[in-house]
Amino acid sequence: LYERANSTFGSIDVSVQNAGVITIAQVQDFTEEEWDLVMDVNTKGVFLCCQAAARYMREQGSGRLINTASGQAREGFIYTPHYAASKMGVVGITQSLAKELATDGITVNAFCPGIIDTDMWAYNDREWGKLLGDYKPGQLMAEWVEGIPMRRAGSPADVAGLVAFLASDDATYITGQTINVDGGLIMS
């Protein structure tokens, strides 16, 4: 992928690692396969893409690596220990690579989306709703949104704005940071 992008465009300027999966279950019901899938996609996938992109970025002396973490990188949550661990791992990867690649002109940052109105959150609402009570579709999400200071779920555009900023020349002196995009749900 990176070889083809580099040959097509002449450089790799920005790489956004944005794949993610989650499963929700009580601790005794998790399988090792579920654990491995979440860790492989959410953590190992981020590292491998950063590694591949960094090869090109180091040669050209610049680049932006932007990694998707989660609010669970800040604070784990019930029924998702593997997801929390995977996203906390993304923060560790981000900080480590930021220190290693800084003198090569490469910034490495992450972002932590909160409740964002996506298909994944529809799944979360349904599955957490089953385990936390007898919630109807949308009820649990609505309850959680009430706890957000801005009193709304985020949109993909809310996240995209931050990613565009981190990819821009306006962010050349920002590296090793993990920024929440969650309407104030988790403040750090």
C-alpha atoms as a PDB file:
ATOM      1  CA  LEU A   1       0.000   0.000   0.000  1.00  0.00           C
ATOM      2  CA  TYR A   2       2.655   2.502   1.021  1.00  0.00           C
ATOM      3  CA  GLU A   3       4.942   1.558  -1.863  1.00  0.00           C
ATOM      4  CA  ARG A   4       2.112   2.100  -4.307  1.00  0.00           C
ATOM      5  CA  ALA A   5       1.054   5.401  -2.729  1.00  0.00           C
ATOM      6  CA  ASN A   6       4.636   6.631  -2.751  1.00  0.00           C
ATOM      7  CA  SER A   7       5.160   5.691  -6.408  1.00  0.00           C
ATOM      8  CA  THR A   8       1.818   7.247  -7.387  1.00  0.00           C
ATOM      9  CA  PHE A   9       2.083  10.491  -5.401  1.00  0.00           C
ATOM     10  CA  GLY A  10       5.837  10.846  -4.941  1.00  0.00           C
ATOM     11  CA  SER A  11       5.748  10.925  -1.132  1.00  0.00           C
ATOM     12  CA  ILE A  12       3.945   9.728   1.962  1.00  0.00           C
ATOM     13  CA  ASP A  13       3.038  12.910   3.807  1.00  0.00           C
ATOM     14  CA  VAL A  14       0.294  11.712   6.163  1.00  0.00           C
ATOM     15  CA  SER A  15      -0.762   8.302   7.394  1.00  0.00           C
ATOM     16  CA  VAL A  16      -3.910   8.007   9.522  1.00  0.00           C
ATOM     17  CA  GLN A  17      -4.280   4.683  11.309  1.00  0.00           C
ATOM     18  CA  ASN A  18      -8.038   4.453  11.771  1.00  0.00           C
ATOM     19  CA  ALA A  19      -9.136   0.803  11.801  1.00  0.00           C
ATOM     20  CA  GLY A  20     -10.825  -0.456  14.927  1.00  0.00           C
ATOM     21  CA  VAL A  21     -12.970  -3.320  16.201  1.00  0.00           C
ATOM     22  CA  ILE A  22     -14.696  -4.023  19.501  1.00  0.00           C
ATOM     23  CA  THR A  23     -16.579  -6.851  21.140  1.00  0.00           C
ATOM     24  CA  ILE A  24     -18.543  -6.506  24.359  1.00  0.00           C
ATOM     25  CA  ALA A  25     -18.984  -9.350  26.840  1.00  0.00           C
ATOM     26  CA  GLN A  26     -18.521 -10.291  30.473  1.00  0.00           C
ATOM     27  CA  VAL A  27     -14.986 -11.334  31.342  1.00  0.00           C
ATOM     28  CA  GLN A  28     -15.787 -15.046  31.594  1.00  0.00           C
ATOM     29  CA  ASP A  29     -17.388 -15.024  28.140  1.00  0.00           C
ATOM     30  CA  PHE A  30     -14.441 -13.619  26.170  1.00  0.00           C
ATOM     31  CA  THR A  31     -12.569 -15.945  23.888  1.00  0.00           C
ATOM     32  CA  GLU A  32      -8.880 -15.790  23.158  1.00  0.00           C
ATOM     33  CA  GLU A  33      -9.782 -15.308  19.494  1.00  0.00           C
ATOM     34  CA  GLU A  34     -11.763 -12.151  20.349  1.00  0.00           C
ATOM     35  CA  TRP A  35      -8.840 -10.838  22.396  1.00  0.00           C
ATOM     36  CA  ASP A  36      -6.385 -11.513  19.562  1.00  0.00           C
ATOM     37  CA  LEU A  37      -8.597  -9.942  16.890  1.00  0.00           C
ATOM     38  CA  VAL A  38      -9.046  -6.714  18.844  1.00  0.00           C
ATOM     39  CA  MET A  39      -5.350  -6.480  19.683  1.00  0.00           C
ATOM     40  CA  ASP A  40      -4.306  -7.354  16.115  1.00  0.00           C
ATOM     41  CA  VAL A  41      -6.510  -4.739  14.473  1.00  0.00           C
ATOM     42  CA  ASN A  42      -6.422  -1.957  17.063  1.00  0.00           C
ATOM     43  CA  THR A  43      -2.805  -2.106  18.238  1.00  0.00           C
ATOM     44  CA  LYS A  44      -0.666  -4.254  15.976  1.00  0.00           C
ATOM     45  CA  GLY A  45      -2.284  -2.766  12.858  1.00  0.00           C
ATOM     46  CA  VAL A  46      -1.490   0.764  14.053  1.00  0.00           C
ATOM     47  CA  PHE A  47       2.140  -0.165  14.667  1.00  0.00           C
ATOM     48  CA  LEU A  48       2.608  -1.948  11.344  1.00  0.00           C
ATOM     49  CA  CYS A  49       1.142   0.960   9.373  1.00  0.00           C
ATOM     50  CA  CYS A  50       3.269   3.479  11.290  1.00  0.00           C
ATOM     51  CA  GLN A  51       6.332   1.332  10.648  1.00  0.00           C
ATOM     52  CA  ALA A  52       5.635   1.124   6.910  1.00  0.00           C
ATOM     53  CA  ALA A  53       4.877   4.836   6.543  1.00  0.00           C
ATOM     54  CA  ALA A  54       7.872   5.890   8.644  1.00  0.00           C
ATOM     55  CA  ARG A  55      10.262   4.232   6.192  1.00  0.00           C
ATOM     56  CA  TYR A  56       9.197   6.700   3.501  1.00  0.00           C
ATOM     57  CA  MET A  57       8.818   9.659   5.842  1.00  0.00           C
ATOM     58  CA  ARG A  58      12.338   9.241   7.219  1.00  0.00           C
ATOM     59  CA  GLU A  59      13.804   9.278   3.711  1.00  0.00           C
ATOM     60  CA  GLN A  60      11.975  12.480   2.833  1.00  0.00           C
ATOM     61  CA  GLY A  61      12.580  14.129   6.248  1.00  0.00           C
ATOM     62  CA  SER A  62       8.953  14.860   7.080  1.00  0.00           C
ATOM     63  CA  GLY A  63       5.565  13.341   7.728  1.00  0.00           C
ATOM     64  CA  ARG A  64       2.566  13.009   9.980  1.00  0.00           C
ATOM     65  CA  LEU A  65       1.496   9.802  11.689  1.00  0.00           C
ATOM     66  CA  ILE A  66      -1.956  10.112  13.238  1.00  0.00           C
ATOM     67  CA  ASN A  67      -3.332   7.249  15.313  1.00  0.00           C
ATOM     68  CA  THR A  68      -6.871   6.507  16.421  1.00  0.00           C
ATOM     69  CA  ALA A  69      -7.124   5.674  20.097  1.00  0.00           C
ATOM     70  CA  SER A  70     -10.364   5.973  22.113  1.00  0.00           C
ATOM     71  CA  GLY A  71     -11.799   7.414  25.292  1.00  0.00           C
ATOM     72  CA  GLN A  72     -10.955   3.975  26.629  1.00  0.00           C
ATOM     73  CA  ALA A  73      -7.282   4.814  26.165  1.00  0.00           C
ATOM     74  CA  ARG A  74      -7.885   7.254  29.022  1.00  0.00           C
ATOM     75  CA  GLU A  75     -10.254   5.205  31.141  1.00  0.00           C
ATOM     76  CA  GLY A  76     -11.220   1.562  30.702  1.00  0.00           C
ATOM     77  CA  PHE A  77     -14.868   0.576  30.765  1.00  0.00           C
ATOM     78  CA  ILE A  78     -16.915  -2.404  31.795  1.00  0.00           C
ATOM     79  CA  TYR A  79     -17.076  -5.491  29.512  1.00  0.00           C
ATOM     80  CA  THR A  80     -14.270  -4.320  27.183  1.00  0.00           C
ATOM     81  CA  PRO A  81     -10.873  -4.939  28.836  1.00  0.00           C
ATOM     82  CA  HIS A  82      -9.280  -6.037  25.568  1.00  0.00           C
ATOM     83  CA  TYR A  83     -10.488  -2.916  23.761  1.00  0.00           C
ATOM     84  CA  ALA A  84      -9.196  -0.638  26.538  1.00  0.00           C
ATOM     85  CA  ALA A  85      -5.834  -2.421  26.510  1.00  0.00           C
ATOM     86  CA  SER A  86      -5.610  -2.148  22.725  1.00  0.00           C
ATOM     87  CA  LYS A  87      -6.316   1.580  22.713  1.00  0.00           C
ATOM     88  CA  MET A  88      -4.001   2.279  25.656  1.00  0.00           C
ATOM     89  CA  GLY A  89      -1.388   0.500  23.553  1.00  0.00           C
ATOM     90  CA  VAL A  90      -2.002   2.989  20.745  1.00  0.00           C
ATOM     91  CA  VAL A  91      -1.089   5.828  23.118  1.00  0.00           C
ATOM     92  CA  GLY A  92       2.135   4.020  24.042  1.00  0.00           C
ATOM     93  CA  ILE A  93       3.010   3.467  20.400  1.00  0.00           C
ATOM     94  CA  THR A  94       2.291   7.129  19.676  1.00  0.00           C
ATOM     95  CA  GLN A  95       4.535   8.418  22.462  1.00  0.00           C
ATOM     96  CA  SER A  96       7.377   6.010  21.700  1.00  0.00           C
ATOM     97  CA  LEU A  97       7.399   6.747  17.975  1.00  0.00           C
ATOM     98  CA  ALA A  98       7.084  10.495  18.583  1.00  0.00           C
ATOM     99  CA  LYS A  99      10.333  10.409  20.543  1.00  0.00           C
ATOM    100  CA  GLU A 100      12.088   8.207  18.008  1.00  0.00           C
ATOM    101  CA  LEU A 101      10.996  10.049  14.869  1.00  0.00           C
ATOM    102  CA  ALA A 102      11.035  13.689  16.060  1.00  0.00           C
ATOM    103  CA  THR A 103      14.483  14.494  14.682  1.00  0.00           C
ATOM    104  CA  ASP A 104      13.422  13.068  11.315  1.00  0.00           C
ATOM    105  CA  GLY A 105      10.769  15.784  10.950  1.00  0.00           C
ATOM    106  CA  ILE A 106       7.933  13.340  11.637  1.00  0.00           C
ATOM    107  CA  THR A 107       5.194  14.128  14.130  1.00  0.00           C
ATOM    108  CA  VAL A 108       3.230  11.318  15.747  1.00  0.00           C
ATOM    109  CA  ASN A 109      -0.039  12.075  17.495  1.00  0.00           C
ATOM    110  CA  ALA A 110      -3.212  10.267  18.473  1.00  0.00           C
ATOM    111  CA  PHE A 111      -6.811  11.193  19.106  1.00  0.00           C
ATOM    112  CA  CYS A 112      -9.420   9.734  21.428  1.00  0.00           C
ATOM    113  CA  PRO A 113     -12.936   9.847  20.032  1.00  0.00           C
ATOM    114  CA  GLY A 114     -15.705   9.673  22.599  1.00  0.00           C
ATOM    115  CA  ILE A 115     -19.273   8.848  21.665  1.00  0.00           C
ATOM    116  CA  ILE A 116     -19.354   9.439  17.924  1.00  0.00           C
ATOM    117  CA  ASP A 117     -22.521   8.725  15.942  1.00  0.00           C
ATOM    118  CA  THR A 118     -21.267   5.774  13.862  1.00  0.00           C
ATOM    119  CA  ASP A 119     -22.202   2.162  13.187  1.00  0.00           C
ATOM    120  CA  MET A 120     -19.784   1.065  15.919  1.00  0.00           C
ATOM    121  CA  TRP A 121     -21.702   3.095  18.476  1.00  0.00           C
ATOM    122  CA  ALA A 122     -24.988   1.561  17.352  1.00  0.00           C
ATOM    123  CA  TYR A 123     -23.412  -1.831  18.122  1.00  0.00           C
ATOM    124  CA  ASN A 124     -22.126  -0.525  21.476  1.00  0.00           C
ATOM    125  CA  ASP A 125     -25.562   0.806  22.396  1.00  0.00           C
ATOM    126  CA  ARG A 126     -27.176  -2.536  21.608  1.00  0.00           C
ATOM    127  CA  GLU A 127     -24.622  -4.811  23.299  1.00  0.00           C
ATOM    128  CA  TRP A 128     -23.911  -2.708  26.395  1.00  0.00           C
ATOM    129  CA  GLY A 129     -27.660  -2.111  26.648  1.00  0.00           C
ATOM    130  CA  LYS A 130     -28.263  -5.878  26.930  1.00  0.00           C
ATOM    131  CA  LEU A 131     -25.629  -6.304  29.641  1.00  0.00           C
ATOM    132  CA  LEU A 132     -26.399  -3.162  31.651  1.00  0.00           C
ATOM    133  CA  GLY A 133     -30.174  -3.485  31.742  1.00  0.00           C
ATOM    134  CA  ASP A 134     -33.240  -3.769  29.604  1.00  0.00           C
ATOM    135  CA  TYR A 135     -32.510  -0.830  27.329  1.00  0.00           C
ATOM    136  CA  LYS A 136     -34.353  -0.273  24.087  1.00  0.00           C
ATOM    137  CA  PRO A 137     -32.285   0.727  21.033  1.00  0.00           C
ATOM    138  CA  GLY A 138     -30.946   4.247  21.502  1.00  0.00           C
ATOM    139  CA  GLN A 139     -31.865   4.549  25.182  1.00  0.00           C
ATOM    140  CA  LEU A 140     -28.467   3.795  26.663  1.00  0.00           C
ATOM    141  CA  MET A 141     -26.721   6.060  24.187  1.00  0.00           C
ATOM    142  CA  ALA A 142     -29.139   8.880  25.011  1.00  0.00           C
ATOM    143  CA  GLU A 143     -28.436   8.364  28.717  1.00  0.00           C
ATOM    144  CA  TRP A 144     -24.687   8.498  28.155  1.00  0.00           C
ATOM    145  CA  VAL A 145     -24.948  11.593  25.956  1.00  0.00           C
ATOM    146  CA  GLU A 146     -26.590  13.379  28.887  1.00  0.00           C
ATOM    147  CA  GLY A 147     -23.276  12.973  30.733  1.00  0.00           C
ATOM    148  CA  ILE A 148     -21.360  14.832  28.010  1.00  0.00           C
ATOM    149  CA  PRO A 149     -20.980  18.542  28.850  1.00  0.00           C
ATOM    150  CA  MET A 150     -21.911  19.482  25.255  1.00  0.00           C
ATOM    151  CA  ARG A 151     -25.005  17.221  25.538  1.00  0.00           C
ATOM    152  CA  ARG A 152     -24.590  15.647  22.116  1.00  0.00           C
ATOM    153  CA  ALA A 153     -22.806  12.787  20.441  1.00  0.00           C
ATOM    154  CA  GLY A 154     -19.982  13.742  18.160  1.00  0.00           C
ATOM    155  CA  SER A 155     -20.067  13.438  14.402  1.00  0.00           C
ATOM    156  CA  PRO A 156     -17.440  12.044  12.049  1.00  0.00           C
ATOM    157  CA  ALA A 157     -16.864  15.661  10.942  1.00  0.00           C
ATOM    158  CA  ASP A 158     -15.940  16.611  14.520  1.00  0.00           C
ATOM    159  CA  VAL A 159     -13.157  14.037  14.425  1.00  0.00           C
ATOM    160  CA  ALA A 160     -12.104  14.865  10.865  1.00  0.00           C
ATOM    161  CA  GLY A 161     -11.473  18.499  11.831  1.00  0.00           C
ATOM    162  CA  LEU A 162      -8.892  17.479  14.416  1.00  0.00           C
ATOM    163  CA  VAL A 163      -7.252  14.987  12.064  1.00  0.00           C
ATOM    164  CA  ALA A 164      -6.990  17.658   9.353  1.00  0.00           C
ATOM    165  CA  PHE A 165      -5.379  20.025  11.854  1.00  0.00           C
ATOM    166  CA  LEU A 166      -2.843  17.405  12.984  1.00  0.00           C
ATOM    167  CA  ALA A 167      -2.001  16.708   9.340  1.00  0.00           C
ATOM    168  CA  SER A 168      -1.504  20.406   8.572  1.00  0.00           C
ATOM    169  CA  ASP A 169       1.488  22.732   8.796  1.00  0.00           C
ATOM    170  CA  ASP A 170      -0.248  24.379  11.769  1.00  0.00           C
ATOM    171  CA  ALA A 171       0.673  21.315  13.853  1.00  0.00           C
ATOM    172  CA  THR A 172       4.397  21.096  13.066  1.00  0.00           C
ATOM    173  CA  TYR A 173       5.403  21.589  16.728  1.00  0.00           C
ATOM    174  CA  ILE A 174       2.914  19.120  18.184  1.00  0.00           C
ATOM    175  CA  THR A 175       4.085  15.557  18.685  1.00  0.00           C
ATOM    176  CA  GLY A 176       3.513  12.737  21.142  1.00  0.00           C
ATOM    177  CA  GLN A 177       0.113  14.082  22.088  1.00  0.00           C
ATOM    178  CA  THR A 178      -3.198  12.308  22.503  1.00  0.00           C
ATOM    179  CA  ILE A 179      -6.164  14.635  22.117  1.00  0.00           C
ATOM    180  CA  ASN A 180      -9.719  13.890  23.225  1.00  0.00           C
ATOM    181  CA  VAL A 181     -12.551  14.553  20.767  1.00  0.00           C
ATOM    182  CA  ASP A 182     -15.506  13.885  23.034  1.00  0.00           C
ATOM    183  CA  GLY A 183     -17.448  17.047  23.865  1.00  0.00           C
ATOM    184  CA  GLY A 184     -15.747  17.251  27.265  1.00  0.00           C
ATOM    185  CA  LEU A 185     -16.687  13.744  28.443  1.00  0.00           C
ATOM    186  CA  ILE A 186     -13.146  12.997  29.644  1.00  0.00           C
ATOM    187  CA  MET A 187     -11.040  16.031  30.490  1.00  0.00           C
ATOM    188  CA  SER A 188      -7.283  15.728  30.725  1.00  0.00           C
END
